[in-house]
C-alpha atoms as a PDB file:
ATOM      1  CA  UNK A   1      14.052  37.048  -8.823  1.00  0.00           C
ATOM      2  CA  UNK A   2      15.975  35.123 -11.476  1.00  0.00           C
ATOM      3  CA  UNK A   3      15.844  31.324 -11.680  1.00  0.00           C
ATOM      4  CA  UNK A   4      19.448  31.139 -10.486  1.00  0.00           C
ATOM      5  CA  UNK A   5      18.497  32.918  -7.258  1.00  0.00           C
ATOM      6  CA  UNK A   6      15.243  31.039  -6.701  1.00  0.00           C
ATOM      7  CA  UNK A   7      15.039  29.167  -3.383  1.00  0.00           C
ATOM      8  CA  UNK A   8      15.655  25.456  -3.606  1.00  0.00           C
ATOM      9  CA  UNK A   9      12.173  23.922  -3.442  1.00  0.00           C
ATOM     10  CA  UNK A  10      10.945  20.436  -4.136  1.00  0.00           C
ATOM     11  CA  UNK A  11       8.055  20.155  -6.539  1.00  0.00           C
ATOM     12  CA  UNK A  12       5.148  18.535  -4.748  1.00  0.00           C
ATOM     13  CA  UNK A  13       1.962  17.112  -6.238  1.00  0.00           C
ATOM     14  CA  UNK A  14      -1.157  19.268  -6.129  1.00  0.00           C
ATOM     15  CA  UNK A  15      -3.097  19.275  -2.877  1.00  0.00           C
ATOM     16  CA  UNK A  16      -5.571  16.400  -2.731  1.00  0.00           C
ATOM     17  CA  UNK A  17      -3.431  14.141  -4.910  1.00  0.00           C
ATOM     18  CA  UNK A  18      -1.518  11.150  -3.559  1.00  0.00           C
ATOM     19  CA  UNK A  19       1.369   9.428  -5.315  1.00  0.00           C
ATOM     20  CA  UNK A  20       1.473   5.654  -4.838  1.00  0.00           C
ATOM     21  CA  UNK A  21       3.060   2.531  -6.265  1.00  0.00           C
ATOM     22  CA  UNK A  22       0.678  -0.250  -7.261  1.00  0.00           C
ATOM     23  CA  UNK A  23       2.249  -3.685  -7.569  1.00  0.00           C
ATOM     24  CA  UNK A  24       0.642  -6.314  -9.756  1.00  0.00           C
ATOM     25  CA  UNK A  25       1.893  -9.802 -10.593  1.00  0.00           C
ATOM     26  CA  UNK A  26       4.101  -8.428 -13.358  1.00  0.00           C
ATOM     27  CA  UNK A  27       4.351  -4.641 -13.060  1.00  0.00           C
ATOM     28  CA  UNK A  28       4.989  -1.653 -10.835  1.00  0.00           C
ATOM     29  CA  UNK A  29       2.498   1.062 -11.742  1.00  0.00           C
ATOM     30  CA  UNK A  30       3.307   4.433 -10.212  1.00  0.00           C
ATOM     31  CA  UNK A  31       0.783   7.202 -10.409  1.00  0.00           C
ATOM     32  CA  UNK A  32      -1.302   9.809  -8.693  1.00  0.00           C
ATOM     33  CA  UNK A  33      -4.766   9.237  -7.318  1.00  0.00           C
ATOM     34  CA  UNK A  34      -7.156  12.007  -6.337  1.00  0.00           C
ATOM     35  CA  UNK A  35      -7.888  11.855  -2.605  1.00  0.00           C
ATOM     36  CA  UNK A  36      -9.720  15.168  -2.177  1.00  0.00           C
ATOM     37  CA  UNK A  37     -13.038  13.507  -1.397  1.00  0.00           C
ATOM     38  CA  UNK A  38     -11.997   9.961  -0.387  1.00  0.00           C
ATOM     39  CA  UNK A  39      -8.749   8.485   0.942  1.00  0.00           C
ATOM     40  CA  UNK A  40      -7.021   5.795  -1.105  1.00  0.00           C
ATOM     41  CA  UNK A  41      -7.954   3.064   1.417  1.00  0.00           C
ATOM     42  CA  UNK A  42     -11.651   3.920   1.024  1.00  0.00           C
ATOM     43  CA  UNK A  43     -11.396   3.917  -2.771  1.00  0.00           C
ATOM     44  CA  UNK A  44      -9.663   0.531  -2.803  1.00  0.00           C
ATOM     45  CA  UNK A  45     -12.210  -0.950  -0.364  1.00  0.00           C
ATOM     46  CA  UNK A  46     -15.228   0.452  -2.230  1.00  0.00           C
ATOM     47  CA  UNK A  47     -17.192  -2.658  -3.251  1.00  0.00           C
ATOM     48  CA  UNK A  48     -19.355  -0.698  -5.717  1.00  0.00           C
ATOM     49  CA  UNK A  49     -16.554  -0.411  -8.286  1.00  0.00           C
ATOM     50  CA  UNK A  50     -13.767  -2.688  -9.474  1.00  0.00           C
ATOM     51  CA  UNK A  51     -11.666   0.140 -10.880  1.00  0.00           C
ATOM     52  CA  UNK A  52      -9.293   2.843  -9.667  1.00  0.00           C
ATOM     53  CA  UNK A  53      -8.412   5.931 -11.706  1.00  0.00           C
ATOM     54  CA  UNK A  54      -4.800   7.178 -11.838  1.00  0.00           C
ATOM     55  CA  UNK A  55      -3.073  10.145 -13.460  1.00  0.00           C
ATOM     56  CA  UNK A  56       0.562  10.704 -14.475  1.00  0.00           C
ATOM     57  CA  UNK A  57       1.216   6.980 -14.737  1.00  0.00           C
ATOM     58  CA  UNK A  58       4.584   5.246 -15.112  1.00  0.00           C
ATOM     59  CA  UNK A  59       4.767   1.511 -15.752  1.00  0.00           C
ATOM     60  CA  UNK A  60       7.802  -0.648 -15.021  1.00  0.00           C
ATOM     61  CA  UNK A  61       8.312  -4.400 -15.172  1.00  0.00           C
ATOM     62  CA  UNK A  62       8.437  -5.753 -11.634  1.00  0.00           C
ATOM     63  CA  UNK A  63      11.822  -7.399 -12.254  1.00  0.00           C
ATOM     64  CA  UNK A  64      13.245  -3.996 -13.301  1.00  0.00           C
ATOM     65  CA  UNK A  65      11.215  -1.537 -11.190  1.00  0.00           C
ATOM     66  CA  UNK A  66      13.478   1.456 -11.809  1.00  0.00           C
ATOM     67  CA  UNK A  67      13.226   1.105 -15.601  1.00  0.00           C
ATOM     68  CA  UNK A  68      10.256   2.995 -17.027  1.00  0.00           C
ATOM     69  CA  UNK A  69       8.706   0.918 -19.775  1.00  0.00           C
ATOM     70  CA  UNK A  70       5.861   3.312 -20.566  1.00  0.00           C
ATOM     71  CA  UNK A  71       4.151   6.445 -19.308  1.00  0.00           C
ATOM     72  CA  UNK A  72       0.621   7.711 -19.816  1.00  0.00           C
ATOM     73  CA  UNK A  73      -1.379  10.730 -18.670  1.00  0.00           C
ATOM     74  CA  UNK A  74      -4.047   8.434 -17.155  1.00  0.00           C
ATOM     75  CA  UNK A  75      -4.868   4.791 -16.483  1.00  0.00           C
ATOM     76  CA  UNK A  76      -7.686   2.754 -15.031  1.00  0.00           C
ATOM     77  CA  UNK A  77      -6.558  -0.107 -12.798  1.00  0.00           C
ATOM     78  CA  UNK A  78      -8.615  -3.205 -12.077  1.00  0.00           C
ATOM     79  CA  UNK A  79      -8.593  -3.520  -8.285  1.00  0.00           C
ATOM     80  CA  UNK A  80      -8.651  -7.352  -8.289  1.00  0.00           C
ATOM     81  CA  UNK A  81      -5.330  -7.305 -10.203  1.00  0.00           C
ATOM     82  CA  UNK A  82      -3.606  -5.064  -7.662  1.00  0.00           C
ATOM     83  CA  UNK A  83      -1.563  -7.126  -5.189  1.00  0.00           C
ATOM     84  CA  UNK A  84      -0.819  -4.078  -3.051  1.00  0.00           C
ATOM     85  CA  UNK A  85      -0.421  -0.311  -3.029  1.00  0.00           C
ATOM     86  CA  UNK A  86       2.486   1.365  -1.251  1.00  0.00           C
ATOM     87  CA  UNK A  87       2.332   4.923   0.078  1.00  0.00           C
ATOM     88  CA  UNK A  88       5.141   6.953   1.645  1.00  0.00           C
ATOM     89  CA  UNK A  89       3.428   7.992   4.878  1.00  0.00           C
ATOM     90  CA  UNK A  90       1.429   5.835   7.286  1.00  0.00           C
ATOM     91  CA  UNK A  91      -1.382   8.413   7.429  1.00  0.00           C
ATOM     92  CA  UNK A  92      -1.817   8.110   3.650  1.00  0.00           C
ATOM     93  CA  UNK A  93      -2.904   4.507   4.236  1.00  0.00           C
ATOM     94  CA  UNK A  94      -5.710   5.370   6.651  1.00  0.00           C
ATOM     95  CA  UNK A  95      -9.385   5.313   5.763  1.00  0.00           C
ATOM     96  CA  UNK A  96     -11.671   8.266   6.495  1.00  0.00           C
ATOM     97  CA  UNK A  97     -13.205   6.604   9.549  1.00  0.00           C
ATOM     98  CA  UNK A  98      -9.785   6.083  11.109  1.00  0.00           C
ATOM     99  CA  UNK A  99      -8.187   8.706  13.251  1.00  0.00           C
ATOM    100  CA  UNK A 100      -5.411   8.444  15.752  1.00  0.00           C
ATOM    101  CA  UNK A 101      -8.049   8.202  18.488  1.00  0.00           C
ATOM    102  CA  UNK A 102      -9.715   5.234  16.792  1.00  0.00           C
ATOM    103  CA  UNK A 103      -6.645   3.137  17.509  1.00  0.00           C
ATOM    104  CA  UNK A 104      -7.529   3.023  21.198  1.00  0.00           C
ATOM    105  CA  UNK A 105      -8.149  -0.605  22.061  1.00  0.00           C
ATOM    106  CA  UNK A 106      -6.226  -1.786  19.008  1.00  0.00           C
ATOM    107  CA  UNK A 107      -2.882  -3.471  19.366  1.00  0.00           C
ATOM    108  CA  UNK A 108      -0.162  -3.147  16.735  1.00  0.00           C
ATOM    109  CA  UNK A 109       1.050  -6.614  15.743  1.00  0.00           C
ATOM    110  CA  UNK A 110       4.039  -7.431  13.623  1.00  0.00           C
ATOM    111  CA  UNK A 111       3.104  -9.668  10.709  1.00  0.00           C
ATOM    112  CA  UNK A 112       4.625 -11.478   7.772  1.00  0.00           C
ATOM    113  CA  UNK A 113       2.319 -11.968   4.785  1.00  0.00           C
ATOM    114  CA  UNK A 114       2.907 -14.292   1.863  1.00  0.00           C
ATOM    115  CA  UNK A 115       1.351 -13.780  -1.546  1.00  0.00           C
ATOM    116  CA  UNK A 116       2.095 -15.586  -4.794  1.00  0.00           C
ATOM    117  CA  UNK A 117       4.503 -12.810  -5.773  1.00  0.00           C
ATOM    118  CA  UNK A 118       5.562 -10.894  -2.628  1.00  0.00           C
ATOM    119  CA  UNK A 119       6.643 -11.249   0.988  1.00  0.00           C
ATOM    120  CA  UNK A 120       5.269  -8.385   3.086  1.00  0.00           C
ATOM    121  CA  UNK A 121       6.528  -7.455   6.563  1.00  0.00           C
ATOM    122  CA  UNK A 122       4.999  -4.784   8.719  1.00  0.00           C
ATOM    123  CA  UNK A 123       2.531  -4.016  11.443  1.00  0.00           C
ATOM    124  CA  UNK A 124      -1.251  -4.277  11.496  1.00  0.00           C
ATOM    125  CA  UNK A 125      -3.545  -2.748  14.106  1.00  0.00           C
ATOM    126  CA  UNK A 126      -5.894  -5.412  15.440  1.00  0.00           C
ATOM    127  CA  UNK A 127      -8.441  -5.425  18.249  1.00  0.00           C
ATOM    128  CA  UNK A 128      -6.718  -6.584  21.442  1.00  0.00           C
ATOM    129  CA  UNK A 129      -8.473  -9.952  21.614  1.00  0.00           C
ATOM    130  CA  UNK A 130      -8.718 -10.634  17.863  1.00  0.00           C
ATOM    131  CA  UNK A 131      -7.844 -14.051  16.527  1.00  0.00           C
ATOM    132  CA  UNK A 132      -6.055 -13.689  13.184  1.00  0.00           C
ATOM    133  CA  UNK A 133      -8.239 -16.292  11.468  1.00  0.00           C
ATOM    134  CA  UNK A 134     -11.436 -14.578  12.596  1.00  0.00           C
ATOM    135  CA  UNK A 135     -10.070 -11.154  11.733  1.00  0.00           C
ATOM    136  CA  UNK A 136      -9.075 -12.187   8.197  1.00  0.00           C
ATOM    137  CA  UNK A 137     -12.409 -13.877   7.452  1.00  0.00           C
ATOM    138  CA  UNK A 138     -14.841 -11.549   9.200  1.00  0.00           C
ATOM    139  CA  UNK A 139     -13.303  -8.149   9.857  1.00  0.00           C
ATOM    140  CA  UNK A 140     -10.607  -7.381   7.302  1.00  0.00           C
ATOM    141  CA  UNK A 141     -11.582  -5.301   4.306  1.00  0.00           C
ATOM    142  CA  UNK A 142     -10.511  -6.129   0.742  1.00  0.00           C
ATOM    143  CA  UNK A 143      -7.279  -4.183   1.216  1.00  0.00           C
ATOM    144  CA  UNK A 144      -5.531  -4.724   4.550  1.00  0.00           C
ATOM    145  CA  UNK A 145      -3.508  -1.843   5.982  1.00  0.00           C
ATOM    146  CA  UNK A 146       0.060  -2.849   6.844  1.00  0.00           C
ATOM    147  CA  UNK A 147       2.122  -0.064   8.405  1.00  0.00           C
ATOM    148  CA  UNK A 148       5.907   0.335   8.289  1.00  0.00           C
ATOM    149  CA  UNK A 149       5.758  -2.036   5.325  1.00  0.00           C
ATOM    150  CA  UNK A 150       8.614  -3.752   3.551  1.00  0.00           C
ATOM    151  CA  UNK A 151       7.792  -5.707   0.411  1.00  0.00           C
ATOM    152  CA  UNK A 152      10.200  -8.147  -1.237  1.00  0.00           C
ATOM    153  CA  UNK A 153       9.678  -9.975  -4.539  1.00  0.00           C
ATOM    154  CA  UNK A 154       9.559 -13.737  -3.974  1.00  0.00           C
ATOM    155  CA  UNK A 155      11.556 -14.491  -7.140  1.00  0.00           C
ATOM    156  CA  UNK A 156      14.267 -11.884  -6.509  1.00  0.00           C
ATOM    157  CA  UNK A 157      14.855 -10.708  -2.923  1.00  0.00           C
ATOM    158  CA  UNK A 158      16.945  -7.806  -4.213  1.00  0.00           C
ATOM    159  CA  UNK A 159      13.747  -6.233  -5.534  1.00  0.00           C
ATOM    160  CA  UNK A 160      12.302  -4.513  -2.488  1.00  0.00           C
ATOM    161  CA  UNK A 161       9.903  -1.678  -1.744  1.00  0.00           C
ATOM    162  CA  UNK A 162       9.067   0.072   1.493  1.00  0.00           C
ATOM    163  CA  UNK A 163       6.707   2.729   2.721  1.00  0.00           C
ATOM    164  CA  UNK A 164       4.779   4.103   5.639  1.00  0.00           C
ATOM    165  CA  UNK A 165       1.909   1.820   4.665  1.00  0.00           C
ATOM    166  CA  UNK A 166       0.982  -0.879   2.187  1.00  0.00           C
ATOM    167  CA  UNK A 167      -2.623  -1.641   1.342  1.00  0.00           C
ATOM    168  CA  UNK A 168      -2.551  -5.387   0.615  1.00  0.00           C
ATOM    169  CA  UNK A 169      -5.271  -7.103  -1.396  1.00  0.00           C
ATOM    170  CA  UNK A 170      -6.534  -9.890   0.887  1.00  0.00           C
ATOM    171  CA  UNK A 171      -7.462 -12.023  -2.144  1.00  0.00           C
ATOM    172  CA  UNK A 172      -3.745 -12.395  -2.873  1.00  0.00           C
ATOM    173  CA  UNK A 173      -2.707 -13.298   0.689  1.00  0.00           C
ATOM    174  CA  UNK A 174      -1.780 -16.981   0.930  1.00  0.00           C
ATOM    175  CA  UNK A 175      -0.425 -16.884   4.500  1.00  0.00           C
ATOM    176  CA  UNK A 176      -0.869 -14.419   7.367  1.00  0.00           C
ATOM    177  CA  UNK A 177       1.783 -15.010  10.016  1.00  0.00           C
ATOM    178  CA  UNK A 178       2.019 -13.191  13.340  1.00  0.00           C
ATOM    179  CA  UNK A 179       5.621 -12.374  14.225  1.00  0.00           C
ATOM    180  CA  UNK A 180       6.269 -13.055  17.852  1.00  0.00           C
ATOM    181  CA  UNK A 181       9.109 -11.457  19.744  1.00  0.00           C
ATOM    182  CA  UNK A 182      12.221 -13.580  19.724  1.00  0.00           C
ATOM    183  CA  UNK A 183      12.507 -15.736  22.801  1.00  0.00           C
ATOM    184  CA  UNK A 184      15.992 -16.387  24.063  1.00  0.00           C
ATOM    185  CA  UNK A 185      16.613 -19.711  25.826  1.00  0.00           C
END
């Protein structure tokens, strides 16, 4: 079959590789992380290492996220410098121990998070009787899973990102606000 007659197919990354955007204070770093043996959430929450390995990396200034400033075949990211990671599908933000059945007893809660650089809106799954303060200090891992995430740059609200999930570094969270349903008088 000639190239002209080839079926229209999207090129997808190799199996076991996840493409994600990592936002730091100054940059958007897009790349692929190997998830064959461990999901991204587990790698980010692994306390035995402060680094994350990426391949096929593109770096953009956060104030011009669509402008590629540099590209490299590989990069090592320092996890403490990552404000958050955004993935396209919610299931790509799950850890290995989470399955759809493990959400029984958890309640999805809409939240608004404030960091020094970003406003994050989305939904977290919390135990039904969890107090946010207790959850953030005792139960949350280093990277909090926020589903149906929308991220907006504090300095320029026109710079926005969204995805099925964002894994937010709790060290960069300044405020964790539950979003209650609007009450009409």
